[in-house]
Amino acid sequence: CALDSEVALRVGGDFFFDPQPGDSPVNLVLIAGGVGINPLFSILLHIADLHGYQGGKGNGYKMGTVKLYYSAKKTSELLFKKNILGLMNAFPGKITCHFHITQQSSQICKELQPHVTGK
């Protein structure tokens, strides 16, 4: 997003991401804390599947980018972190994640360091 961009925000409840062939591409910002990642991880996997289909099958899906912002107290509490890193590597520039750690005192592992902010 840039200054003066229009965004839609939804907190809680039943939600999903189900673009149809021919829809205009959208850029998503997903924000999660703790176990709240569960439904957003499902959306992220769906988006990865759509990106994969787009690559070779010409099915009409036009995908934008996804930025995931995910916060937890410690890196050990980041659910699906290895899967998320794998998706970022599989779709560079299309899927990104920024982990925010609030209460970790120990060293953060090397594979997460470039993607972590916080204490």
C-alpha atoms as a PDB file:
ATOM      1  CA  CYS A   1       0.000   0.000   0.000  1.00  0.00           C
ATOM      2  CA  ALA A   2       1.018   3.556  -0.552  1.00  0.00           C
ATOM      3  CA  LEU A   3      -0.184   6.776   1.003  1.00  0.00           C
ATOM      4  CA  ASP A   4      -3.841   7.361   0.091  1.00  0.00           C
ATOM      5  CA  SER A   5      -4.371   3.729  -0.987  1.00  0.00           C
ATOM      6  CA  GLU A   6      -7.811   2.295  -0.408  1.00  0.00           C
ATOM      7  CA  VAL A   7      -7.836  -0.756   1.844  1.00  0.00           C
ATOM      8  CA  ALA A   8     -10.559  -3.009   3.218  1.00  0.00           C
ATOM      9  CA  LEU A   9     -10.110  -4.350   6.730  1.00  0.00           C
ATOM     10  CA  ARG A  10     -11.925  -7.193   8.393  1.00  0.00           C
ATOM     11  CA  VAL A  11     -11.386  -8.408  11.937  1.00  0.00           C
ATOM     12  CA  GLY A  12     -12.664 -11.780  13.169  1.00  0.00           C
ATOM     13  CA  GLY A  13     -15.588 -13.834  11.965  1.00  0.00           C
ATOM     14  CA  ASP A  14     -15.884 -16.122   8.974  1.00  0.00           C
ATOM     15  CA  PHE A  15     -13.706 -14.996   6.108  1.00  0.00           C
ATOM     16  CA  PHE A  16     -12.057 -16.459   3.038  1.00  0.00           C
ATOM     17  CA  PHE A  17     -10.297 -15.501  -0.175  1.00  0.00           C
ATOM     18  CA  ASP A  18     -11.875 -16.963  -3.296  1.00  0.00           C
ATOM     19  CA  PRO A  19     -10.943 -15.040  -6.449  1.00  0.00           C
ATOM     20  CA  GLN A  20     -12.567 -16.087  -9.694  1.00  0.00           C
ATOM     21  CA  PRO A  21     -10.962 -16.389 -13.134  1.00  0.00           C
ATOM     22  CA  GLY A  22     -11.059 -13.001 -14.799  1.00  0.00           C
ATOM     23  CA  ASP A  23     -11.127 -11.018 -11.525  1.00  0.00           C
ATOM     24  CA  SER A  24      -8.690  -8.123 -11.309  1.00  0.00           C
ATOM     25  CA  PRO A  25      -5.583  -9.032  -9.303  1.00  0.00           C
ATOM     26  CA  VAL A  26      -5.551  -7.840  -5.699  1.00  0.00           C
ATOM     27  CA  ASN A  27      -2.686  -7.290  -3.319  1.00  0.00           C
ATOM     28  CA  LEU A  28      -3.356  -8.707   0.146  1.00  0.00           C
ATOM     29  CA  VAL A  29      -1.994  -7.741   3.543  1.00  0.00           C
ATOM     30  CA  LEU A  30      -2.623 -10.451   6.135  1.00  0.00           C
ATOM     31  CA  ILE A  31      -2.077  -9.628   9.828  1.00  0.00           C
ATOM     32  CA  ALA A  32      -1.962 -12.351  12.492  1.00  0.00           C
ATOM     33  CA  GLY A  33      -1.005 -12.770  16.119  1.00  0.00           C
ATOM     34  CA  GLY A  34      -0.325 -16.087  17.835  1.00  0.00           C
ATOM     35  CA  VAL A  35      -2.743 -18.867  16.913  1.00  0.00           C
ATOM     36  CA  GLY A  36      -4.736 -16.360  14.840  1.00  0.00           C
ATOM     37  CA  ILE A  37      -2.478 -17.447  11.980  1.00  0.00           C
ATOM     38  CA  ASN A  38      -4.590 -20.582  11.354  1.00  0.00           C
ATOM     39  CA  PRO A  39      -7.219 -19.164   8.958  1.00  0.00           C
ATOM     40  CA  LEU A  40      -4.687 -16.834   7.350  1.00  0.00           C
ATOM     41  CA  PHE A  41      -2.287 -19.721   6.730  1.00  0.00           C
ATOM     42  CA  SER A  42      -5.102 -21.498   4.870  1.00  0.00           C
ATOM     43  CA  ILE A  43      -5.594 -18.388   2.738  1.00  0.00           C
ATOM     44  CA  LEU A  44      -1.838 -18.249   2.119  1.00  0.00           C
ATOM     45  CA  LEU A  45      -1.802 -21.884   0.954  1.00  0.00           C
ATOM     46  CA  HIS A  46      -4.748 -21.208  -1.354  1.00  0.00           C
ATOM     47  CA  ILE A  47      -2.935 -18.220  -2.837  1.00  0.00           C
ATOM     48  CA  ALA A  48       0.202 -20.341  -3.350  1.00  0.00           C
ATOM     49  CA  ASP A  49      -1.911 -22.934  -5.157  1.00  0.00           C
ATOM     50  CA  LEU A  50      -3.372 -20.228  -7.395  1.00  0.00           C
ATOM     51  CA  HIS A  51       0.110 -18.846  -8.123  1.00  0.00           C
ATOM     52  CA  GLY A  52       1.213 -22.365  -9.075  1.00  0.00           C
ATOM     53  CA  TYR A  53      -1.746 -22.849 -11.403  1.00  0.00           C
ATOM     54  CA  GLN A  54      -1.159 -19.447 -12.954  1.00  0.00           C
ATOM     55  CA  GLY A  55       2.389 -20.437 -13.865  1.00  0.00           C
ATOM     56  CA  GLY A  56       1.570 -23.183 -16.311  1.00  0.00           C
ATOM     57  CA  LYS A  57      -2.098 -23.763 -16.940  1.00  0.00           C
ATOM     58  CA  GLY A  58      -3.422 -20.398 -18.108  1.00  0.00           C
ATOM     59  CA  ASN A  59      -6.618 -20.735 -16.082  1.00  0.00           C
ATOM     60  CA  GLY A  60      -7.442 -17.015 -16.019  1.00  0.00           C
ATOM     61  CA  TYR A  61      -6.384 -16.257 -12.438  1.00  0.00           C
ATOM     62  CA  LYS A  62      -4.437 -13.035 -12.097  1.00  0.00           C
ATOM     63  CA  MET A  63      -2.692 -12.892  -8.743  1.00  0.00           C
ATOM     64  CA  GLY A  64      -1.297  -9.909  -6.927  1.00  0.00           C
ATOM     65  CA  THR A  65       1.128  -9.985  -4.026  1.00  0.00           C
ATOM     66  CA  VAL A  66       0.663 -11.096  -0.437  1.00  0.00           C
ATOM     67  CA  LYS A  67       2.355  -9.574   2.597  1.00  0.00           C
ATOM     68  CA  LEU A  68       1.919 -11.454   5.852  1.00  0.00           C
ATOM     69  CA  TYR A  69       2.647  -9.728   9.161  1.00  0.00           C
ATOM     70  CA  TYR A  70       2.757 -12.266  11.978  1.00  0.00           C
ATOM     71  CA  SER A  71       3.475 -11.532  15.642  1.00  0.00           C
ATOM     72  CA  ALA A  72       4.261 -13.837  18.559  1.00  0.00           C
ATOM     73  CA  LYS A  73       6.106 -13.654  21.867  1.00  0.00           C
ATOM     74  CA  LYS A  74       8.903 -15.982  20.747  1.00  0.00           C
ATOM     75  CA  THR A  75       9.970 -17.603  17.502  1.00  0.00           C
ATOM     76  CA  SER A  76       9.067 -20.987  18.999  1.00  0.00           C
ATOM     77  CA  GLU A  77       5.439 -19.775  19.039  1.00  0.00           C
ATOM     78  CA  LEU A  78       5.382 -18.930  15.320  1.00  0.00           C
ATOM     79  CA  LEU A  79       3.181 -21.683  13.905  1.00  0.00           C
ATOM     80  CA  PHE A  80       3.927 -22.849  10.343  1.00  0.00           C
ATOM     81  CA  LYS A  81       7.126 -20.745  10.200  1.00  0.00           C
ATOM     82  CA  LYS A  82       9.025 -23.296   8.090  1.00  0.00           C
ATOM     83  CA  ASN A  83       6.083 -23.625   5.702  1.00  0.00           C
ATOM     84  CA  ILE A  84       5.821 -19.842   5.421  1.00  0.00           C
ATOM     85  CA  LEU A  85       9.548 -19.547   4.688  1.00  0.00           C
ATOM     86  CA  GLY A  86       9.139 -22.249   2.031  1.00  0.00           C
ATOM     87  CA  LEU A  87       6.307 -20.319   0.373  1.00  0.00           C
ATOM     88  CA  MET A  88       8.388 -17.145   0.350  1.00  0.00           C
ATOM     89  CA  ASN A  89      11.246 -19.037  -1.322  1.00  0.00           C
ATOM     90  CA  ALA A  90       8.894 -20.678  -3.838  1.00  0.00           C
ATOM     91  CA  PHE A  91       7.235 -17.358  -4.793  1.00  0.00           C
ATOM     92  CA  PRO A  92       9.865 -14.627  -4.363  1.00  0.00           C
ATOM     93  CA  GLY A  93       8.411 -11.160  -4.628  1.00  0.00           C
ATOM     94  CA  LYS A  94       4.864 -12.544  -4.634  1.00  0.00           C
ATOM     95  CA  ILE A  95       4.623 -13.847  -1.056  1.00  0.00           C
ATOM     96  CA  THR A  96       6.499 -12.097   1.758  1.00  0.00           C
ATOM     97  CA  CYS A  97       6.327 -12.329   5.532  1.00  0.00           C
ATOM     98  CA  HIS A  98       7.509 -10.143   8.367  1.00  0.00           C
ATOM     99  CA  PHE A  99       7.617 -11.831  11.779  1.00  0.00           C
ATOM    100  CA  HIS A 100       7.417  -9.572  14.845  1.00  0.00           C
ATOM    101  CA  ILE A 101       8.744 -11.036  18.094  1.00  0.00           C
ATOM    102  CA  THR A 102       7.815  -9.262  21.336  1.00  0.00           C
ATOM    103  CA  GLN A 103       9.453 -11.128  24.251  1.00  0.00           C
ATOM    104  CA  GLN A 104      12.347 -13.300  23.090  1.00  0.00           C
ATOM    105  CA  SER A 105      15.632 -12.942  24.936  1.00  0.00           C
ATOM    106  CA  SER A 106      17.580 -15.705  23.164  1.00  0.00           C
ATOM    107  CA  GLN A 107      19.242 -15.492  19.756  1.00  0.00           C
ATOM    108  CA  ILE A 108      16.965 -15.806  16.725  1.00  0.00           C
ATOM    109  CA  CYS A 109      17.924 -18.597  14.311  1.00  0.00           C
ATOM    110  CA  LYS A 110      19.700 -17.544  11.103  1.00  0.00           C
ATOM    111  CA  GLU A 111      16.944 -18.607   8.690  1.00  0.00           C
ATOM    112  CA  LEU A 112      14.420 -16.317  10.436  1.00  0.00           C
ATOM    113  CA  GLN A 113      16.729 -13.350  11.138  1.00  0.00           C
ATOM    114  CA  PRO A 114      16.171 -11.474   7.863  1.00  0.00           C
ATOM    115  CA  HIS A 115      12.391 -11.627   8.376  1.00  0.00           C
ATOM    116  CA  VAL A 116      12.169 -10.790  12.125  1.00  0.00           C
ATOM    117  CA  THR A 117      11.704  -7.478  13.879  1.00  0.00           C
ATOM    118  CA  GLY A 118      11.176  -6.812  17.570  1.00  0.00           C
ATOM    119  CA  LYS A 119      13.158  -7.275  20.764  1.00  0.00           C
END
